[in-house]
């Protein structure tokens, strides 16, 4: 199975801004959010995109 063109994960410090079908990782602060995004990006072979100061998404292009 080949996964393309989808959101693999959402990483945020603000749980009020997320809801939905992708896995959601809630972090305490920006430092933790940056580290989690970097780790998940590497593990899932995706690309991290910052949508705001409090949210990243990991996507597969």
PDB file of N, CA and C in Angstrom:
ATOM      1  N   UNK A   1       0.847  -1.172   0.000  1.00  0.00           N
ATOM      2  CA  UNK A   1       0.000   0.000   0.000  1.00  0.00           C
ATOM      3  C   UNK A   1       0.892   1.234   0.000  1.00  0.00           C
ATOM      4  N   UNK A   2       0.572   2.198  -0.830  1.00  0.00           N
ATOM      5  CA  UNK A   2       1.342   3.425  -0.925  1.00  0.00           C
ATOM      6  C   UNK A   2       0.469   4.595  -0.478  1.00  0.00           C
ATOM      7  N   UNK A   3       0.956   5.328   0.522  1.00  0.00           N
ATOM      8  CA  UNK A   3       0.203   6.473   1.045  1.00  0.00           C
ATOM      9  C   UNK A   3       0.763   7.739   0.410  1.00  0.00           C
ATOM     10  N   UNK A   4      -0.110   8.506  -0.228  1.00  0.00           N
ATOM     11  CA  UNK A   4       0.282   9.769  -0.846  1.00  0.00           C
ATOM     12  C   UNK A   4      -0.799  10.811  -0.635  1.00  0.00           C
ATOM     13  N   UNK A   5      -0.389  12.055  -0.603  1.00  0.00           N
ATOM     14  CA  UNK A   5      -1.279  13.205  -0.572  1.00  0.00           C
ATOM     15  C   UNK A   5      -2.294  13.140   0.565  1.00  0.00           C
ATOM     16  N   UNK A   6      -1.775  13.021   1.769  1.00  0.00           N
ATOM     17  CA  UNK A   6      -2.676  13.021   2.913  1.00  0.00           C
ATOM     18  C   UNK A   6      -1.978  13.564   4.150  1.00  0.00           C
ATOM     19  N   UNK A   7      -2.773  14.016   5.103  1.00  0.00           N
ATOM     20  CA  UNK A   7      -2.251  14.470   6.387  1.00  0.00           C
ATOM     21  C   UNK A   7      -2.058  13.241   7.265  1.00  0.00           C
ATOM     22  N   UNK A   8      -0.835  13.050   7.729  1.00  0.00           N
ATOM     23  CA  UNK A   8      -0.515  11.887   8.549  1.00  0.00           C
ATOM     24  C   UNK A   8      -0.678  12.157  10.039  1.00  0.00           C
ATOM     25  N   UNK A   9      -0.465  13.420  10.456  1.00  0.00           N
ATOM     26  CA  UNK A   9      -0.547  13.755  11.878  1.00  0.00           C
ATOM     27  C   UNK A   9      -0.693  15.258  12.049  1.00  0.00           C
ATOM     28  N   UNK A  10      -1.261  15.636  13.199  1.00  0.00           N
ATOM     29  CA  UNK A  10      -1.360  17.040  13.606  1.00  0.00           C
ATOM     30  C   UNK A  10      -0.686  17.149  14.967  1.00  0.00           C
ATOM     31  N   UNK A  11       0.195  18.140  15.106  1.00  0.00           N
ATOM     32  CA  UNK A  11       0.895  18.373  16.369  1.00  0.00           C
ATOM     33  C   UNK A  11       0.570  19.790  16.810  1.00  0.00           C
ATOM     34  N   UNK A  12       0.095  19.947  18.050  1.00  0.00           N
ATOM     35  CA  UNK A  12      -0.342  21.273  18.485  1.00  0.00           C
ATOM     36  C   UNK A  12      -0.151  21.479  19.984  1.00  0.00           C
ATOM     37  N   UNK A  13      -0.161  22.734  20.366  1.00  0.00           N
ATOM     38  CA  UNK A  13      -0.187  23.094  21.785  1.00  0.00           C
ATOM     39  C   UNK A  13      -1.564  23.630  22.172  1.00  0.00           C
ATOM     40  N   UNK A  14      -2.473  23.691  21.207  1.00  0.00           N
ATOM     41  CA  UNK A  14      -3.805  24.257  21.452  1.00  0.00           C
ATOM     42  C   UNK A  14      -4.873  23.260  20.999  1.00  0.00           C
ATOM     43  N   UNK A  15      -5.377  22.463  21.939  1.00  0.00           N
ATOM     44  CA  UNK A  15      -6.341  21.419  21.565  1.00  0.00           C
ATOM     45  C   UNK A  15      -7.675  21.990  21.083  1.00  0.00           C
ATOM     46  N   UNK A  16      -7.929  23.268  21.318  1.00  0.00           N
ATOM     47  CA  UNK A  16      -9.177  23.893  20.864  1.00  0.00           C
ATOM     48  C   UNK A  16      -9.214  24.052  19.340  1.00  0.00           C
ATOM     49  N   UNK A  17      -8.050  23.992  18.696  1.00  0.00           N
ATOM     50  CA  UNK A  17      -7.978  24.238  17.258  1.00  0.00           C
ATOM     51  C   UNK A  17      -7.987  22.971  16.417  1.00  0.00           C
ATOM     52  N   UNK A  18      -8.074  21.802  17.029  1.00  0.00           N
ATOM     53  CA  UNK A  18      -8.012  20.563  16.248  1.00  0.00           C
ATOM     54  C   UNK A  18      -9.166  19.631  16.571  1.00  0.00           C
ATOM     55  N   UNK A  19      -9.523  18.861  15.556  1.00  0.00           N
ATOM     56  CA  UNK A  19     -10.551  17.843  15.676  1.00  0.00           C
ATOM     57  C   UNK A  19     -10.556  17.104  14.353  1.00  0.00           C
ATOM     58  N   UNK A  20     -10.719  15.821  14.372  1.00  0.00           N
ATOM     59  CA  UNK A  20     -10.832  15.176  13.085  1.00  0.00           C
ATOM     60  C   UNK A  20     -10.159  13.844  12.952  1.00  0.00           C
ATOM     61  N   UNK A  21      -9.882  13.484  11.692  1.00  0.00           N
ATOM     62  CA  UNK A  21      -9.503  12.135  11.334  1.00  0.00           C
ATOM     63  C   UNK A  21      -8.031  11.787  11.404  1.00  0.00           C
ATOM     64  N   UNK A  22      -7.134  12.731  11.513  1.00  0.00           N
ATOM     65  CA  UNK A  22      -5.706  12.416  11.607  1.00  0.00           C
ATOM     66  C   UNK A  22      -5.316  12.270  13.077  1.00  0.00           C
ATOM     67  N   UNK A  23      -4.272  11.491  13.357  1.00  0.00           N
ATOM     68  CA  UNK A  23      -3.783  11.420  14.741  1.00  0.00           C
ATOM     69  C   UNK A  23      -3.369  12.811  15.230  1.00  0.00           C
ATOM     70  N   UNK A  24      -3.731  13.134  16.452  1.00  0.00           N
ATOM     71  CA  UNK A  24      -3.454  14.450  17.035  1.00  0.00           C
ATOM     72  C   UNK A  24      -2.528  14.264  18.237  1.00  0.00           C
ATOM     73  N   UNK A  25      -1.425  15.011  18.241  1.00  0.00           N
ATOM     74  CA  UNK A  25      -0.465  14.975  19.326  1.00  0.00           C
ATOM     75  C   UNK A  25      -0.506  16.316  20.040  1.00  0.00           C
ATOM     76  N   UNK A  26      -0.900  16.305  21.315  1.00  0.00           N
ATOM     77  CA  UNK A  26      -0.967  17.525  22.113  1.00  0.00           C
ATOM     78  C   UNK A  26       0.328  17.689  22.888  1.00  0.00           C
ATOM     79  N   UNK A  27       0.921  18.871  22.808  1.00  0.00           N
ATOM     80  CA  UNK A  27       2.197  19.151  23.457  1.00  0.00           C
ATOM     81  C   UNK A  27       2.040  20.278  24.465  1.00  0.00           C
ATOM     82  N   UNK A  28       2.921  20.291  25.444  1.00  0.00           N
ATOM     83  CA  UNK A  28       2.879  21.299  26.506  1.00  0.00           C
ATOM     84  C   UNK A  28       3.370  22.666  26.045  1.00  0.00           C
ATOM     85  N   UNK A  29       4.384  22.682  25.175  1.00  0.00           N
ATOM     86  CA  UNK A  29       4.969  23.954  24.754  1.00  0.00           C
ATOM     87  C   UNK A  29       5.562  23.829  23.350  1.00  0.00           C
ATOM     88  N   UNK A  30       6.056  24.940  22.820  1.00  0.00           N
ATOM     89  CA  UNK A  30       6.579  24.964  21.453  1.00  0.00           C
ATOM     90  C   UNK A  30       7.802  24.071  21.305  1.00  0.00           C
ATOM     91  N   UNK A  31       8.647  24.017  22.307  1.00  0.00           N
ATOM     92  CA  UNK A  31       9.837  23.173  22.235  1.00  0.00           C
ATOM     93  C   UNK A  31       9.457  21.702  22.073  1.00  0.00           C
ATOM     94  N   UNK A  32       8.514  21.242  22.878  1.00  0.00           N
ATOM     95  CA  UNK A  32       8.052  19.851  22.760  1.00  0.00           C
ATOM     96  C   UNK A  32       7.384  19.631  21.415  1.00  0.00           C
ATOM     97  N   UNK A  33       6.590  20.594  20.959  1.00  0.00           N
ATOM     98  CA  UNK A  33       5.902  20.474  19.675  1.00  0.00           C
ATOM     99  C   UNK A  33       6.914  20.343  18.532  1.00  0.00           C
ATOM    100  N   UNK A  34       7.973  21.148  18.558  1.00  0.00           N
ATOM    101  CA  UNK A  34       9.013  21.076  17.533  1.00  0.00           C
ATOM    102  C   UNK A  34       9.677  19.706  17.522  1.00  0.00           C
ATOM    103  N   UNK A  35       9.990  19.168  18.702  1.00  0.00           N
ATOM    104  CA  UNK A  35      10.646  17.868  18.786  1.00  0.00           C
ATOM    105  C   UNK A  35       9.735  16.741  18.306  1.00  0.00           C
ATOM    106  N   UNK A  36       8.478  16.768  18.721  1.00  0.00           N
ATOM    107  CA  UNK A  36       7.525  15.734  18.297  1.00  0.00           C
ATOM    108  C   UNK A  36       7.332  15.795  16.784  1.00  0.00           C
ATOM    109  N   UNK A  37       7.203  16.984  16.226  1.00  0.00           N
ATOM    110  CA  UNK A  37       7.032  17.130  14.776  1.00  0.00           C
ATOM    111  C   UNK A  37       8.240  16.573  14.031  1.00  0.00           C
ATOM    112  N   UNK A  38       9.432  16.868  14.520  1.00  0.00           N
ATOM    113  CA  UNK A  38      10.651  16.360  13.887  1.00  0.00           C
ATOM    114  C   UNK A  38      10.715  14.836  13.946  1.00  0.00           C
ATOM    115  N   UNK A  39      10.382  14.273  15.092  1.00  0.00           N
ATOM    116  CA  UNK A  39      10.415  12.816  15.251  1.00  0.00           C
ATOM    117  C   UNK A  39       9.384  12.126  14.363  1.00  0.00           C
ATOM    118  N   UNK A  40       8.160  12.618  14.365  1.00  0.00           N
ATOM    119  CA  UNK A  40       7.104  11.993  13.568  1.00  0.00           C
ATOM    120  C   UNK A  40       7.390  12.133  12.080  1.00  0.00           C
ATOM    121  N   UNK A  41       7.924  13.285  11.683  1.00  0.00           N
ATOM    122  CA  UNK A  41       8.308  13.506  10.290  1.00  0.00           C
ATOM    123  C   UNK A  41       9.301  12.427   9.841  1.00  0.00           C
ATOM    124  N   UNK A  42      10.294  12.145  10.656  1.00  0.00           N
ATOM    125  CA  UNK A  42      11.298  11.140  10.310  1.00  0.00           C
ATOM    126  C   UNK A  42      10.718   9.725  10.325  1.00  0.00           C
ATOM    127  N   UNK A  43       9.948   9.407  11.339  1.00  0.00           N
ATOM    128  CA  UNK A  43       9.387   8.066  11.480  1.00  0.00           C
ATOM    129  C   UNK A  43       8.437   7.736  10.332  1.00  0.00           C
ATOM    130  N   UNK A  44       7.597   8.685   9.956  1.00  0.00           N
ATOM    131  CA  UNK A  44       6.574   8.428   8.947  1.00  0.00           C
ATOM    132  C   UNK A  44       7.003   8.809   7.536  1.00  0.00           C
ATOM    133  N   UNK A  45       8.252   9.276   7.399  1.00  0.00           N
ATOM    134  CA  UNK A  45       8.777   9.688   6.097  1.00  0.00           C
ATOM    135  C   UNK A  45       7.863  10.723   5.446  1.00  0.00           C
ATOM    136  N   UNK A  46       7.437  11.688   6.259  1.00  0.00           N
ATOM    137  CA  UNK A  46       6.583  12.770   5.775  1.00  0.00           C
ATOM    138  C   UNK A  46       7.323  14.090   5.817  1.00  0.00           C
ATOM    139  N   UNK A  47       6.583  15.153   5.589  1.00  0.00           N
ATOM    140  CA  UNK A  47       7.148  16.499   5.631  1.00  0.00           C
ATOM    141  C   UNK A  47       6.322  17.326   6.604  1.00  0.00           C
ATOM    142  N   UNK A  48       7.027  18.043   7.473  1.00  0.00           N
ATOM    143  CA  UNK A  48       6.389  18.874   8.488  1.00  0.00           C
ATOM    144  C   UNK A  48       6.133  20.270   7.929  1.00  0.00           C
ATOM    145  N   UNK A  49       4.928  20.776   8.171  1.00  0.00           N
ATOM    146  CA  UNK A  49       4.568  22.136   7.764  1.00  0.00           C
ATOM    147  C   UNK A  49       3.991  22.867   8.970  1.00  0.00           C
ATOM    148  N   UNK A  50       4.538  24.032   9.278  1.00  0.00           N
ATOM    149  CA  UNK A  50       4.011  24.860  10.366  1.00  0.00           C
ATOM    150  C   UNK A  50       2.824  25.655   9.834  1.00  0.00           C
ATOM    151  N   UNK A  51       1.659  25.443  10.420  1.00  0.00           N
ATOM    152  CA  UNK A  51       0.473  26.202  10.027  1.00  0.00           C
ATOM    153  C   UNK A  51       0.328  27.465  10.857  1.00  0.00           C
ATOM    154  N   UNK A  52       0.900  27.429  12.060  1.00  0.00           N
ATOM    155  CA  UNK A  52       0.889  28.594  12.950  1.00  0.00           C
ATOM    156  C   UNK A  52       1.952  28.355  14.014  1.00  0.00           C
ATOM    157  N   UNK A  53       2.068  29.277  14.949  1.00  0.00           N
ATOM    158  CA  UNK A  53       3.018  29.125  16.056  1.00  0.00           C
ATOM    159  C   UNK A  53       2.629  27.980  16.984  1.00  0.00           C
ATOM    160  N   UNK A  54       1.393  27.515  16.877  1.00  0.00           N
ATOM    161  CA  UNK A  54       0.935  26.453  17.784  1.00  0.00           C
ATOM    162  C   UNK A  54       0.459  25.192  17.071  1.00  0.00           C
ATOM    163  N   UNK A  55       0.788  25.062  15.769  1.00  0.00           N
ATOM    164  CA  UNK A  55       0.329  23.866  15.068  1.00  0.00           C
ATOM    165  C   UNK A  55       1.220  23.500  13.884  1.00  0.00           C
ATOM    166  N   UNK A  56       1.554  22.194  13.809  1.00  0.00           N
ATOM    167  CA  UNK A  56       2.217  21.604  12.656  1.00  0.00           C
ATOM    168  C   UNK A  56       1.320  20.510  12.099  1.00  0.00           C
ATOM    169  N   UNK A  57       1.484  20.250  10.812  1.00  0.00           N
ATOM    170  CA  UNK A  57       0.907  19.039  10.233  1.00  0.00           C
ATOM    171  C   UNK A  57       2.052  18.281   9.570  1.00  0.00           C
ATOM    172  N   UNK A  58       1.929  16.973   9.573  1.00  0.00           N
ATOM    173  CA  UNK A  58       2.863  16.115   8.847  1.00  0.00           C
ATOM    174  C   UNK A  58       2.083  15.565   7.664  1.00  0.00           C
ATOM    175  N   UNK A  59       2.610  15.797   6.471  1.00  0.00           N
ATOM    176  CA  UNK A  59       1.920  15.362   5.256  1.00  0.00           C
ATOM    177  C   UNK A  59       2.806  14.456   4.429  1.00  0.00           C
ATOM    178  N   UNK A  60       2.174  13.691   3.592  1.00  0.00           N
ATOM    179  CA  UNK A  60       2.865  12.862   2.605  1.00  0.00           C
ATOM    180  C   UNK A  60       2.473  13.407   1.252  1.00  0.00           C
ATOM    181  N   UNK A  61       3.452  13.891   0.500  1.00  0.00           N
ATOM    182  CA  UNK A  61       3.185  14.460  -0.829  1.00  0.00           C
ATOM    183  C   UNK A  61       3.225  13.387  -1.886  1.00  0.00           C
TER     184      UNK A  61
END
